[in-house]
């Protein structure tokens, strides 16, 4: 956010549009992991959208099931981050690592 701030202030629409350019198409020639699909399927926008949604689903699943499990889950972790004092967070993290 700090690095993006100057760009977001001057040209927010252009910066967001180019930073997350989902219309870009990859070259089939350079793919390694998707060679079992033909070029027409690989270049299809529906296929790209399915991959993007699947990737997002996997990340969210890991976020809720694995990455934040030791902290009590995502929502309690966010609550502590936004509403607790820094000393309380440090004290709790020290207690968790001592276990």
C-alpha atoms as a PDB file:
ATOM      1  CA  UNK A   1       0.000   0.000   0.000  1.00  0.00           C
ATOM      2  CA  UNK A   2       2.854   2.376   0.827  1.00  0.00           C
ATOM      3  CA  UNK A   3       4.538   1.738  -2.517  1.00  0.00           C
ATOM      4  CA  UNK A   4       1.264   2.081  -4.415  1.00  0.00           C
ATOM      5  CA  UNK A   5       0.163   5.277  -2.648  1.00  0.00           C
ATOM      6  CA  UNK A   6       1.782   7.816  -5.039  1.00  0.00           C
ATOM      7  CA  UNK A   7       0.246   6.054  -8.032  1.00  0.00           C
ATOM      8  CA  UNK A   8      -3.149   5.631  -6.373  1.00  0.00           C
ATOM      9  CA  UNK A   9      -3.285   9.349  -5.574  1.00  0.00           C
ATOM     10  CA  UNK A  10      -2.366  10.564  -9.068  1.00  0.00           C
ATOM     11  CA  UNK A  11      -3.902   7.950 -11.398  1.00  0.00           C
ATOM     12  CA  UNK A  12      -6.054   5.527  -9.356  1.00  0.00           C
ATOM     13  CA  UNK A  13      -8.122   4.131 -12.221  1.00  0.00           C
ATOM     14  CA  UNK A  14      -5.129   3.487 -14.474  1.00  0.00           C
ATOM     15  CA  UNK A  15      -3.094   1.946 -11.667  1.00  0.00           C
ATOM     16  CA  UNK A  16      -5.829  -0.465 -10.559  1.00  0.00           C
ATOM     17  CA  UNK A  17      -6.689  -1.301 -14.165  1.00  0.00           C
ATOM     18  CA  UNK A  18      -3.133  -2.214 -15.061  1.00  0.00           C
ATOM     19  CA  UNK A  19      -2.145  -3.815 -11.751  1.00  0.00           C
ATOM     20  CA  UNK A  20      -5.002  -6.299 -12.027  1.00  0.00           C
ATOM     21  CA  UNK A  21      -5.215  -6.697 -15.800  1.00  0.00           C
ATOM     22  CA  UNK A  22      -7.334  -9.812 -16.119  1.00  0.00           C
ATOM     23  CA  UNK A  23      -7.787  -9.392 -19.875  1.00  0.00           C
ATOM     24  CA  UNK A  24      -4.162 -10.295 -20.592  1.00  0.00           C
ATOM     25  CA  UNK A  25      -3.636 -13.561 -22.471  1.00  0.00           C
ATOM     26  CA  UNK A  26      -0.648 -15.825 -21.967  1.00  0.00           C
ATOM     27  CA  UNK A  27       1.204 -17.402 -24.869  1.00  0.00           C
ATOM     28  CA  UNK A  28       0.468 -21.092 -25.305  1.00  0.00           C
ATOM     29  CA  UNK A  29       3.971 -21.667 -26.656  1.00  0.00           C
ATOM     30  CA  UNK A  30       5.551 -20.935 -23.251  1.00  0.00           C
ATOM     31  CA  UNK A  31       3.188 -22.939 -21.061  1.00  0.00           C
ATOM     32  CA  UNK A  32       4.519 -26.035 -19.342  1.00  0.00           C
ATOM     33  CA  UNK A  33       1.838 -27.129 -16.889  1.00  0.00           C
ATOM     34  CA  UNK A  34      -1.136 -26.859 -19.246  1.00  0.00           C
ATOM     35  CA  UNK A  35       0.202 -28.637 -22.373  1.00  0.00           C
ATOM     36  CA  UNK A  36      -2.401 -31.388 -21.988  1.00  0.00           C
ATOM     37  CA  UNK A  37      -4.984 -28.840 -23.230  1.00  0.00           C
ATOM     38  CA  UNK A  38      -5.037 -27.797 -26.848  1.00  0.00           C
ATOM     39  CA  UNK A  39      -4.236 -24.167 -27.707  1.00  0.00           C
ATOM     40  CA  UNK A  40      -7.874 -23.226 -28.346  1.00  0.00           C
ATOM     41  CA  UNK A  41      -8.934 -24.376 -24.862  1.00  0.00           C
ATOM     42  CA  UNK A  42      -5.923 -22.722 -23.226  1.00  0.00           C
ATOM     43  CA  UNK A  43      -6.701 -19.348 -24.834  1.00  0.00           C
ATOM     44  CA  UNK A  44     -10.428 -19.499 -24.026  1.00  0.00           C
ATOM     45  CA  UNK A  45     -11.568 -16.762 -21.617  1.00  0.00           C
ATOM     46  CA  UNK A  46     -13.931 -19.203 -19.876  1.00  0.00           C
ATOM     47  CA  UNK A  47     -11.015 -21.493 -19.093  1.00  0.00           C
ATOM     48  CA  UNK A  48      -9.021 -18.525 -17.720  1.00  0.00           C
ATOM     49  CA  UNK A  49     -11.949 -17.483 -15.522  1.00  0.00           C
ATOM     50  CA  UNK A  50     -12.364 -21.015 -14.158  1.00  0.00           C
ATOM     51  CA  UNK A  51      -8.649 -21.102 -13.276  1.00  0.00           C
ATOM     52  CA  UNK A  52      -8.866 -17.693 -11.585  1.00  0.00           C
ATOM     53  CA  UNK A  53     -11.948 -18.630  -9.552  1.00  0.00           C
ATOM     54  CA  UNK A  54     -10.398 -21.981  -8.623  1.00  0.00           C
ATOM     55  CA  UNK A  55      -7.206 -20.297  -7.474  1.00  0.00           C
ATOM     56  CA  UNK A  56      -9.166 -17.821  -5.354  1.00  0.00           C
ATOM     57  CA  UNK A  57     -11.202 -20.658  -3.842  1.00  0.00           C
ATOM     58  CA  UNK A  58      -8.060 -22.586  -2.884  1.00  0.00           C
ATOM     59  CA  UNK A  59      -6.504 -19.486  -1.273  1.00  0.00           C
ATOM     60  CA  UNK A  60      -9.643 -18.697   0.731  1.00  0.00           C
ATOM     61  CA  UNK A  61      -9.956 -22.334   1.803  1.00  0.00           C
ATOM     62  CA  UNK A  62      -6.367 -22.383   3.047  1.00  0.00           C
ATOM     63  CA  UNK A  63      -6.899 -19.031   4.761  1.00  0.00           C
ATOM     64  CA  UNK A  64      -9.863 -20.286   6.760  1.00  0.00           C
ATOM     65  CA  UNK A  65      -8.762 -23.893   7.328  1.00  0.00           C
ATOM     66  CA  UNK A  66      -4.998 -23.867   7.646  1.00  0.00           C
ATOM     67  CA  UNK A  67      -3.111 -20.585   7.839  1.00  0.00           C
ATOM     68  CA  UNK A  68      -5.048 -18.997  10.722  1.00  0.00           C
ATOM     69  CA  UNK A  69      -6.000 -22.143  12.626  1.00  0.00           C
ATOM     70  CA  UNK A  70      -3.468 -21.641  15.420  1.00  0.00           C
ATOM     71  CA  UNK A  71      -4.765 -18.068  15.945  1.00  0.00           C
ATOM     72  CA  UNK A  72      -8.370 -19.200  16.399  1.00  0.00           C
ATOM     73  CA  UNK A  73      -9.476 -18.500  12.827  1.00  0.00           C
ATOM     74  CA  UNK A  74      -9.581 -15.559  10.453  1.00  0.00           C
ATOM     75  CA  UNK A  75     -12.321 -13.503  12.095  1.00  0.00           C
ATOM     76  CA  UNK A  76     -10.866 -13.538  15.631  1.00  0.00           C
ATOM     77  CA  UNK A  77      -7.453 -12.761  14.165  1.00  0.00           C
ATOM     78  CA  UNK A  78      -8.822  -9.754  12.267  1.00  0.00           C
ATOM     79  CA  UNK A  79     -10.747  -8.603  15.321  1.00  0.00           C
ATOM     80  CA  UNK A  80      -7.619  -8.695  17.470  1.00  0.00           C
ATOM     81  CA  UNK A  81      -5.631  -6.909  14.792  1.00  0.00           C
ATOM     82  CA  UNK A  82      -8.109  -4.062  14.461  1.00  0.00           C
ATOM     83  CA  UNK A  83      -9.343  -3.606  18.014  1.00  0.00           C
ATOM     84  CA  UNK A  84      -6.687  -4.818  20.446  1.00  0.00           C
ATOM     85  CA  UNK A  85      -3.782  -2.763  21.650  1.00  0.00           C
ATOM     86  CA  UNK A  86      -0.347  -3.647  20.369  1.00  0.00           C
ATOM     87  CA  UNK A  87       0.817  -4.780  23.835  1.00  0.00           C
ATOM     88  CA  UNK A  88      -2.090  -7.216  24.168  1.00  0.00           C
ATOM     89  CA  UNK A  89      -1.350  -8.762  20.779  1.00  0.00           C
ATOM     90  CA  UNK A  90       2.335  -9.127  21.657  1.00  0.00           C
ATOM     91  CA  UNK A  91       1.485 -10.673  25.043  1.00  0.00           C
ATOM     92  CA  UNK A  92      -0.858 -13.220  23.465  1.00  0.00           C
ATOM     93  CA  UNK A  93       1.596 -14.166  20.714  1.00  0.00           C
ATOM     94  CA  UNK A  94       4.275 -14.694  23.356  1.00  0.00           C
ATOM     95  CA  UNK A  95       1.921 -16.974  25.325  1.00  0.00           C
ATOM     96  CA  UNK A  96       1.067 -19.002  22.198  1.00  0.00           C
ATOM     97  CA  UNK A  97       4.729 -19.584  21.314  1.00  0.00           C
ATOM     98  CA  UNK A  98       5.441 -20.709  24.899  1.00  0.00           C
ATOM     99  CA  UNK A  99       2.889 -23.544  24.580  1.00  0.00           C
END
